[in-house]
Amino acid sequence: RSNTPPVVSLVSPSSATTLTTNAFSLTAYATDLDGSVAGIEFLANGVIVGQASALPYVFSWTNVPLGTHQLAARATDNAGLPASSLPVL
């Protein structure tokens, strides 16, 4: 039996969000049709900035560097298969 990857999306912040503070929350939604989601990694510019292992998948990112960041979430299922969200700019 083959394993299906999880489905994940970065819910917040949305595209083109302008932040006026150096801290904010990242929120992801993930499901796995043939197992369970083992955890979520939150990425900024391809680098892991935080993790969440249980619902709700939320991470409070503090000391955010000034500038534009490409954000994404990566989910891993209980069999170790990862999947990434579309990036949010």
PDB file of N, CA and C in Angstrom:
ATOM      1  N   ARG A   1       0.851  -1.187   0.000  1.00  0.00           N
ATOM      2  CA  ARG A   1       0.000   0.000   0.000  1.00  0.00           C
ATOM      3  C   ARG A   1       0.888   1.238   0.000  1.00  0.00           C
ATOM      4  N   SER A   2       0.572   2.185  -0.857  1.00  0.00           N
ATOM      5  CA  SER A   2       1.381   3.392  -0.945  1.00  0.00           C
ATOM      6  C   SER A   2       0.860   4.461   0.017  1.00  0.00           C
ATOM      7  N   ASN A   3       1.750   5.344   0.376  1.00  0.00           N
ATOM      8  CA  ASN A   3       1.420   6.428   1.299  1.00  0.00           C
ATOM      9  C   ASN A   3       1.112   7.694   0.499  1.00  0.00           C
ATOM     10  N   THR A   4       0.037   8.358   0.832  1.00  0.00           N
ATOM     11  CA  THR A   4      -0.329   9.624   0.213  1.00  0.00           C
ATOM     12  C   THR A   4       0.225  10.756   1.066  1.00  0.00           C
ATOM     13  N   PRO A   5       0.861  11.765   0.445  1.00  0.00           N
ATOM     14  CA  PRO A   5       1.403  12.869   1.248  1.00  0.00           C
ATOM     15  C   PRO A   5       0.290  13.702   1.881  1.00  0.00           C
ATOM     16  N   PRO A   6       0.613  14.386   2.962  1.00  0.00           N
ATOM     17  CA  PRO A   6      -0.382  15.266   3.566  1.00  0.00           C
ATOM     18  C   PRO A   6      -0.649  16.473   2.659  1.00  0.00           C
ATOM     19  N   VAL A   7      -1.714  17.170   2.944  1.00  0.00           N
ATOM     20  CA  VAL A   7      -2.057  18.415   2.252  1.00  0.00           C
ATOM     21  C   VAL A   7      -1.924  19.527   3.276  1.00  0.00           C
ATOM     22  N   VAL A   8      -1.198  20.592   2.917  1.00  0.00           N
ATOM     23  CA  VAL A   8      -0.944  21.673   3.869  1.00  0.00           C
ATOM     24  C   VAL A   8      -1.083  23.022   3.184  1.00  0.00           C
ATOM     25  N   SER A   9      -1.581  23.995   3.920  1.00  0.00           N
ATOM     26  CA  SER A   9      -1.652  25.376   3.427  1.00  0.00           C
ATOM     27  C   SER A   9      -1.333  26.329   4.567  1.00  0.00           C
ATOM     28  N   LEU A  10      -0.693  27.412   4.222  1.00  0.00           N
ATOM     29  CA  LEU A  10      -0.422  28.478   5.187  1.00  0.00           C
ATOM     30  C   LEU A  10      -1.638  29.390   5.180  1.00  0.00           C
ATOM     31  N   VAL A  11      -2.326  29.468   6.298  1.00  0.00           N
ATOM     32  CA  VAL A  11      -3.579  30.209   6.398  1.00  0.00           C
ATOM     33  C   VAL A  11      -3.326  31.673   6.726  1.00  0.00           C
ATOM     34  N   SER A  12      -2.357  31.931   7.579  1.00  0.00           N
ATOM     35  CA  SER A  12      -2.081  33.292   8.021  1.00  0.00           C
ATOM     36  C   SER A  12      -0.592  33.445   8.270  1.00  0.00           C
ATOM     37  N   PRO A  13       0.003  34.527   7.872  1.00  0.00           N
ATOM     38  CA  PRO A  13      -0.580  35.694   7.211  1.00  0.00           C
ATOM     39  C   PRO A  13      -0.872  35.420   5.741  1.00  0.00           C
ATOM     40  N   SER A  14      -1.668  36.272   5.154  1.00  0.00           N
ATOM     41  CA  SER A  14      -2.013  36.125   3.747  1.00  0.00           C
ATOM     42  C   SER A  14      -0.981  36.860   2.886  1.00  0.00           C
ATOM     43  N   SER A  15      -1.066  36.639   1.586  1.00  0.00           N
ATOM     44  CA  SER A  15      -0.143  37.292   0.656  1.00  0.00           C
ATOM     45  C   SER A  15      -0.211  38.800   0.772  1.00  0.00           C
ATOM     46  N   ALA A  16       0.941  39.414   0.586  1.00  0.00           N
ATOM     47  CA  ALA A  16       1.077  40.869   0.561  1.00  0.00           C
ATOM     48  C   ALA A  16       0.655  41.531   1.868  1.00  0.00           C
ATOM     49  N   THR A  17       0.775  40.811   2.979  1.00  0.00           N
ATOM     50  CA  THR A  17       0.478  41.397   4.279  1.00  0.00           C
ATOM     51  C   THR A  17       1.641  42.282   4.694  1.00  0.00           C
ATOM     52  N   THR A  18       1.339  43.500   5.065  1.00  0.00           N
ATOM     53  CA  THR A  18       2.358  44.409   5.566  1.00  0.00           C
ATOM     54  C   THR A  18       2.288  44.394   7.083  1.00  0.00           C
ATOM     55  N   LEU A  19       3.397  44.070   7.689  1.00  0.00           N
ATOM     56  CA  LEU A  19       3.443  43.981   9.140  1.00  0.00           C
ATOM     57  C   LEU A  19       4.088  45.223   9.720  1.00  0.00           C
ATOM     58  N   THR A  20       3.524  45.689  10.811  1.00  0.00           N
ATOM     59  CA  THR A  20       4.054  46.890  11.450  1.00  0.00           C
ATOM     60  C   THR A  20       4.728  46.577  12.776  1.00  0.00           C
ATOM     61  N   THR A  21       4.980  45.300  13.005  1.00  0.00           N
ATOM     62  CA  THR A  21       5.621  44.862  14.237  1.00  0.00           C
ATOM     63  C   THR A  21       6.646  43.791  13.883  1.00  0.00           C
ATOM     64  N   ASN A  22       7.545  43.488  14.816  1.00  0.00           N
ATOM     65  CA  ASN A  22       8.547  42.465  14.519  1.00  0.00           C
ATOM     66  C   ASN A  22       8.153  41.103  15.090  1.00  0.00           C
ATOM     67  N   ALA A  23       6.857  40.906  15.347  1.00  0.00           N
ATOM     68  CA  ALA A  23       6.364  39.620  15.833  1.00  0.00           C
ATOM     69  C   ALA A  23       4.957  39.386  15.282  1.00  0.00           C
ATOM     70  N   PHE A  24       4.693  38.151  14.868  1.00  0.00           N
ATOM     71  CA  PHE A  24       3.347  37.802  14.407  1.00  0.00           C
ATOM     72  C   PHE A  24       3.189  36.290  14.427  1.00  0.00           C
ATOM     73  N   SER A  25       1.955  35.838  14.246  1.00  0.00           N
ATOM     74  CA  SER A  25       1.652  34.410  14.282  1.00  0.00           C
ATOM     75  C   SER A  25       1.560  33.842  12.877  1.00  0.00           C
ATOM     76  N   LEU A  26       2.096  32.645  12.719  1.00  0.00           N
ATOM     77  CA  LEU A  26       1.951  31.873  11.490  1.00  0.00           C
ATOM     78  C   LEU A  26       0.968  30.752  11.800  1.00  0.00           C
ATOM     79  N   THR A  27      -0.006  30.553  10.920  1.00  0.00           N
ATOM     80  CA  THR A  27      -1.019  29.535  11.131  1.00  0.00           C
ATOM     81  C   THR A  27      -1.123  28.669   9.881  1.00  0.00           C
ATOM     82  N   ALA A  28      -1.140  27.351  10.074  1.00  0.00           N
ATOM     83  CA  ALA A  28      -1.251  26.424   8.954  1.00  0.00           C
ATOM     84  C   ALA A  28      -2.415  25.465   9.189  1.00  0.00           C
ATOM     85  N   TYR A  29      -2.911  24.911   8.094  1.00  0.00           N
ATOM     86  CA  TYR A  29      -3.938  23.875   8.141  1.00  0.00           C
ATOM     87  C   TYR A  29      -3.369  22.669   7.392  1.00  0.00           C
ATOM     88  N   ALA A  30      -3.495  21.479   7.958  1.00  0.00           N
ATOM     89  CA  ALA A  30      -2.985  20.281   7.302  1.00  0.00           C
ATOM     90  C   ALA A  30      -3.868  19.080   7.605  1.00  0.00           C
ATOM     91  N   THR A  31      -3.977  18.191   6.614  1.00  0.00           N
ATOM     92  CA  THR A  31      -4.696  16.931   6.781  1.00  0.00           C
ATOM     93  C   THR A  31      -3.905  15.828   6.081  1.00  0.00           C
ATOM     94  N   ASP A  32      -4.186  14.592   6.464  1.00  0.00           N
ATOM     95  CA  ASP A  32      -3.576  13.437   5.816  1.00  0.00           C
ATOM     96  C   ASP A  32      -4.660  12.374   5.658  1.00  0.00           C
ATOM     97  N   LEU A  33      -4.972  12.033   4.422  1.00  0.00           N
ATOM     98  CA  LEU A  33      -6.100  11.142   4.149  1.00  0.00           C
ATOM     99  C   LEU A  33      -5.870   9.702   4.585  1.00  0.00           C
ATOM    100  N   ASP A  34      -4.611   9.258   4.620  1.00  0.00           N
ATOM    101  CA  ASP A  34      -4.367   7.860   4.950  1.00  0.00           C
ATOM    102  C   ASP A  34      -3.514   7.680   6.208  1.00  0.00           C
ATOM    103  N   GLY A  35      -3.551   8.664   7.076  1.00  0.00           N
ATOM    104  CA  GLY A  35      -2.776   8.588   8.316  1.00  0.00           C
ATOM    105  C   GLY A  35      -3.044   9.826   9.151  1.00  0.00           C
ATOM    106  N   SER A  36      -1.974  10.356   9.718  1.00  0.00           N
ATOM    107  CA  SER A  36      -2.123  11.560  10.525  1.00  0.00           C
ATOM    108  C   SER A  36      -0.947  12.497  10.265  1.00  0.00           C
ATOM    109  N   VAL A  37      -1.132  13.751  10.621  1.00  0.00           N
ATOM    110  CA  VAL A  37      -0.082  14.758  10.492  1.00  0.00           C
ATOM    111  C   VAL A  37       0.776  14.675  11.749  1.00  0.00           C
ATOM    112  N   ALA A  38       2.069  14.426  11.557  1.00  0.00           N
ATOM    113  CA  ALA A  38       2.990  14.315  12.698  1.00  0.00           C
ATOM    114  C   ALA A  38       3.470  15.675  13.169  1.00  0.00           C
ATOM    115  N   GLY A  39       3.527  16.647  12.253  1.00  0.00           N
ATOM    116  CA  GLY A  39       3.980  17.973  12.656  1.00  0.00           C
ATOM    117  C   GLY A  39       4.071  18.923  11.477  1.00  0.00           C
ATOM    118  N   ILE A  40       4.234  20.188  11.822  1.00  0.00           N
ATOM    119  CA  ILE A  40       4.322  21.269  10.844  1.00  0.00           C
ATOM    120  C   ILE A  40       5.610  22.041  11.113  1.00  0.00           C
ATOM    121  N   GLU A  41       6.298  22.403  10.037  1.00  0.00           N
ATOM    122  CA  GLU A  41       7.430  23.323  10.126  1.00  0.00           C
ATOM    123  C   GLU A  41       7.035  24.590   9.389  1.00  0.00           C
ATOM    124  N   PHE A  42       7.329  25.730   9.997  1.00  0.00           N
ATOM    125  CA  PHE A  42       7.073  27.018   9.367  1.00  0.00           C
ATOM    126  C   PHE A  42       8.397  27.541   8.824  1.00  0.00           C
ATOM    127  N   LEU A  43       8.380  27.965   7.552  1.00  0.00           N
ATOM    128  CA  LEU A  43       9.606  28.403   6.901  1.00  0.00           C
ATOM    129  C   LEU A  43       9.498  29.854   6.447  1.00  0.00           C
ATOM    130  N   ALA A  44      10.597  30.567   6.573  1.00  0.00           N
ATOM    131  CA  ALA A  44      10.728  31.916   6.038  1.00  0.00           C
ATOM    132  C   ALA A  44      11.964  31.915   5.158  1.00  0.00           C
ATOM    133  N   ASN A  45      11.773  32.206   3.889  1.00  0.00           N
ATOM    134  CA  ASN A  45      12.875  32.228   2.923  1.00  0.00           C
ATOM    135  C   ASN A  45      13.611  30.880   2.904  1.00  0.00           C
ATOM    136  N   GLY A  46      12.852  29.778   3.060  1.00  0.00           N
ATOM    137  CA  GLY A  46      13.412  28.444   2.995  1.00  0.00           C
ATOM    138  C   GLY A  46      14.054  27.935   4.278  1.00  0.00           C
ATOM    139  N   VAL A  47      14.059  28.741   5.336  1.00  0.00           N
ATOM    140  CA  VAL A  47      14.685  28.382   6.610  1.00  0.00           C
ATOM    141  C   VAL A  47      13.591  28.141   7.652  1.00  0.00           C
ATOM    142  N   ILE A  48      13.704  27.060   8.410  1.00  0.00           N
ATOM    143  CA  ILE A  48      12.716  26.763   9.454  1.00  0.00           C
ATOM    144  C   ILE A  48      12.827  27.800  10.571  1.00  0.00           C
ATOM    145  N   VAL A  49      11.699  28.457  10.857  1.00  0.00           N
ATOM    146  CA  VAL A  49      11.672  29.443  11.945  1.00  0.00           C
ATOM    147  C   VAL A  49      10.844  28.958  13.128  1.00  0.00           C
ATOM    148  N   GLY A  50      10.077  27.878  12.942  1.00  0.00           N
ATOM    149  CA  GLY A  50       9.268  27.358  14.039  1.00  0.00           C
ATOM    150  C   GLY A  50       8.581  26.071  13.665  1.00  0.00           C
ATOM    151  N   GLN A  51       7.977  25.447  14.680  1.00  0.00           N
ATOM    152  CA  GLN A  51       7.300  24.173  14.499  1.00  0.00           C
ATOM    153  C   GLN A  51       6.039  24.120  15.346  1.00  0.00           C
ATOM    154  N   ALA A  52       5.140  23.244  14.943  1.00  0.00           N
ATOM    155  CA  ALA A  52       3.936  22.942  15.733  1.00  0.00           C
ATOM    156  C   ALA A  52       3.643  21.462  15.547  1.00  0.00           C
ATOM    157  N   SER A  53       3.300  20.788  16.631  1.00  0.00           N
ATOM    158  CA  SER A  53       3.073  19.347  16.532  1.00  0.00           C
ATOM    159  C   SER A  53       1.637  18.932  16.812  1.00  0.00           C
ATOM    160  N   ALA A  54       0.786  19.907  17.128  1.00  0.00           N
ATOM    161  CA  ALA A  54      -0.607  19.581  17.424  1.00  0.00           C
ATOM    162  C   ALA A  54      -1.510  20.727  16.974  1.00  0.00           C
ATOM    163  N   LEU A  55      -2.769  20.386  16.730  1.00  0.00           N
ATOM    164  CA  LEU A  55      -3.758  21.414  16.386  1.00  0.00           C
ATOM    165  C   LEU A  55      -3.962  22.356  17.552  1.00  0.00           C
ATOM    166  N   PRO A  56      -4.181  23.604  17.330  1.00  0.00           N
ATOM    167  CA  PRO A  56      -4.053  24.295  16.046  1.00  0.00           C
ATOM    168  C   PRO A  56      -2.575  24.475  15.714  1.00  0.00           C
ATOM    169  N   TYR A  57      -2.241  24.404  14.438  1.00  0.00           N
ATOM    170  CA  TYR A  57      -0.849  24.544  13.995  1.00  0.00           C
ATOM    171  C   TYR A  57      -0.510  26.033  13.906  1.00  0.00           C
ATOM    172  N   VAL A  58      -0.003  26.559  15.019  1.00  0.00           N
ATOM    173  CA  VAL A  58       0.299  27.987  15.137  1.00  0.00           C
ATOM    174  C   VAL A  58       1.693  28.139  15.727  1.00  0.00           C
ATOM    175  N   PHE A  59       2.436  29.116  15.209  1.00  0.00           N
ATOM    176  CA  PHE A  59       3.746  29.454  15.750  1.00  0.00           C
ATOM    177  C   PHE A  59       3.843  30.971  15.847  1.00  0.00           C
ATOM    178  N   SER A  60       4.288  31.478  16.989  1.00  0.00           N
ATOM    179  CA  SER A  60       4.490  32.919  17.169  1.00  0.00           C
ATOM    180  C   SER A  60       5.935  33.238  16.839  1.00  0.00           C
ATOM    181  N   TRP A  61       6.132  33.900  15.711  1.00  0.00           N
ATOM    182  CA  TRP A  61       7.467  34.271  15.244  1.00  0.00           C
ATOM    183  C   TRP A  61       7.817  35.636  15.812  1.00  0.00           C
ATOM    184  N   THR A  62       8.869  35.712  16.606  1.00  0.00           N
ATOM    185  CA  THR A  62       9.299  36.967  17.211  1.00  0.00           C
ATOM    186  C   THR A  62      10.663  37.363  16.663  1.00  0.00           C
ATOM    187  N   ASN A  63      11.025  38.613  16.868  1.00  0.00           N
ATOM    188  CA  ASN A  63      12.291  39.163  16.362  1.00  0.00           C
ATOM    189  C   ASN A  63      12.437  38.943  14.860  1.00  0.00           C
ATOM    190  N   VAL A  64      11.356  39.186  14.139  1.00  0.00           N
ATOM    191  CA  VAL A  64      11.332  39.013  12.693  1.00  0.00           C
ATOM    192  C   VAL A  64      12.221  40.080  12.060  1.00  0.00           C
ATOM    193  N   PRO A  65      13.182  39.677  11.227  1.00  0.00           N
ATOM    194  CA  PRO A  65      14.040  40.658  10.560  1.00  0.00           C
ATOM    195  C   PRO A  65      13.224  41.552   9.623  1.00  0.00           C
ATOM    196  N   LEU A  66      13.614  42.804   9.512  1.00  0.00           N
ATOM    197  CA  LEU A  66      12.958  43.720   8.585  1.00  0.00           C
ATOM    198  C   LEU A  66      13.137  43.217   7.164  1.00  0.00           C
ATOM    199  N   GLY A  67      12.160  43.487   6.320  1.00  0.00           N
ATOM    200  CA  GLY A  67      12.262  43.103   4.923  1.00  0.00           C
ATOM    201  C   GLY A  67      11.101  42.245   4.480  1.00  0.00           C
ATOM    202  N   THR A  68      11.197  41.758   3.257  1.00  0.00           N
ATOM    203  CA  THR A  68      10.180  40.914   2.657  1.00  0.00           C
ATOM    204  C   THR A  68      10.558  39.457   2.875  1.00  0.00           C
ATOM    205  N   HIS A  69       9.585  38.641   3.240  1.00  0.00           N
ATOM    206  CA  HIS A  69       9.841  37.234   3.524  1.00  0.00           C
ATOM    207  C   HIS A  69       8.896  36.348   2.725  1.00  0.00           C
ATOM    208  N   GLN A  70       9.429  35.270   2.172  1.00  0.00           N
ATOM    209  CA  GLN A  70       8.612  34.252   1.523  1.00  0.00           C
ATOM    210  C   GLN A  70       8.315  33.206   2.584  1.00  0.00           C
ATOM    211  N   LEU A  71       7.046  33.043   2.920  1.00  0.00           N
ATOM    212  CA  LEU A  71       6.627  32.139   3.995  1.00  0.00           C
ATOM    213  C   LEU A  71       5.970  30.889   3.425  1.00  0.00           C
ATOM    214  N   ALA A  72       6.145  29.778   4.126  1.00  0.00           N
ATOM    215  CA  ALA A  72       5.526  28.517   3.723  1.00  0.00           C
ATOM    216  C   ALA A  72       5.395  27.624   4.951  1.00  0.00           C
ATOM    217  N   ALA A  73       4.612  26.575   4.797  1.00  0.00           N
ATOM    218  CA  ALA A  73       4.484  25.555   5.845  1.00  0.00           C
ATOM    219  C   ALA A  73       4.784  24.206   5.213  1.00  0.00           C
ATOM    220  N   ARG A  74       5.431  23.340   5.978  1.00  0.00           N
ATOM    221  CA  ARG A  74       5.729  21.991   5.511  1.00  0.00           C
ATOM    222  C   ARG A  74       5.173  21.008   6.544  1.00  0.00           C
ATOM    223  N   ALA A  75       4.310  20.118   6.077  1.00  0.00           N
ATOM    224  CA  ALA A  75       3.723  19.093   6.947  1.00  0.00           C
ATOM    225  C   ALA A  75       4.419  17.758   6.690  1.00  0.00           C
ATOM    226  N   THR A  76       4.562  16.972   7.746  1.00  0.00           N
ATOM    227  CA  THR A  76       5.090  15.612   7.632  1.00  0.00           C
ATOM    228  C   THR A  76       4.051  14.665   8.221  1.00  0.00           C
ATOM    229  N   ASP A  77       3.769  13.577   7.493  1.00  0.00           N
ATOM    230  CA  ASP A  77       2.770  12.641   8.006  1.00  0.00           C
ATOM    231  C   ASP A  77       3.408  11.593   8.918  1.00  0.00           C
ATOM    232  N   ASN A  78       2.589  10.735   9.481  1.00  0.00           N
ATOM    233  CA  ASN A  78       3.061   9.743  10.451  1.00  0.00           C
ATOM    234  C   ASN A  78       4.008   8.708   9.840  1.00  0.00           C
ATOM    235  N   ALA A  79       4.099   8.637   8.508  1.00  0.00           N
ATOM    236  CA  ALA A  79       5.036   7.733   7.844  1.00  0.00           C
ATOM    237  C   ALA A  79       6.299   8.465   7.390  1.00  0.00           C
ATOM    238  N   GLY A  80       6.405   9.761   7.710  1.00  0.00           N
ATOM    239  CA  GLY A  80       7.597  10.535   7.374  1.00  0.00           C
ATOM    240  C   GLY A  80       7.580  11.208   6.020  1.00  0.00           C
ATOM    241  N   LEU A  81       6.437  11.190   5.328  1.00  0.00           N
ATOM    242  CA  LEU A  81       6.331  11.806   4.003  1.00  0.00           C
ATOM    243  C   LEU A  81       5.979  13.286   4.152  1.00  0.00           C
ATOM    244  N   PRO A  82       6.813  14.186   3.600  1.00  0.00           N
ATOM    245  CA  PRO A  82       6.549  15.615   3.728  1.00  0.00           C
ATOM    246  C   PRO A  82       5.776  16.178   2.530  1.00  0.00           C
ATOM    247  N   ALA A  83       5.171  17.329   2.744  1.00  0.00           N
ATOM    248  CA  ALA A  83       4.531  18.097   1.680  1.00  0.00           C
ATOM    249  C   ALA A  83       4.587  19.564   2.094  1.00  0.00           C
ATOM    250  N   SER A  84       4.752  20.447   1.105  1.00  0.00           N
ATOM    251  CA  SER A  84       4.867  21.878   1.382  1.00  0.00           C
ATOM    252  C   SER A  84       3.688  22.650   0.821  1.00  0.00           C
ATOM    253  N   SER A  85       3.375  23.750   1.496  1.00  0.00           N
ATOM    254  CA  SER A  85       2.332  24.646   1.025  1.00  0.00           C
ATOM    255  C   SER A  85       2.879  25.492  -0.115  1.00  0.00           C
ATOM    256  N   LEU A  86       1.990  26.152  -0.793  1.00  0.00           N
ATOM    257  CA  LEU A  86       2.417  27.172  -1.743  1.00  0.00           C
ATOM    258  C   LEU A  86       2.999  28.329  -0.939  1.00  0.00           C
ATOM    259  N   PRO A  87       4.006  29.010  -1.456  1.00  0.00           N
ATOM    260  CA  PRO A  87       4.596  30.114  -0.709  1.00  0.00           C
ATOM    261  C   PRO A  87       3.673  31.323  -0.652  1.00  0.00           C
ATOM    262  N   VAL A  88       3.813  32.069   0.406  1.00  0.00           N
ATOM    263  CA  VAL A  88       3.085  33.325   0.595  1.00  0.00           C
ATOM    264  C   VAL A  88       4.139  34.423   0.634  1.00  0.00           C
ATOM    265  N   LEU A  89       3.971  35.428  -0.176  1.00  0.00           N
ATOM    266  CA  LEU A  89       4.936  36.531  -0.218  1.00  0.00           C
ATOM    267  C   LEU A  89       4.437  37.732   0.526  1.00  0.00           C
TER     268      LEU A  89
END
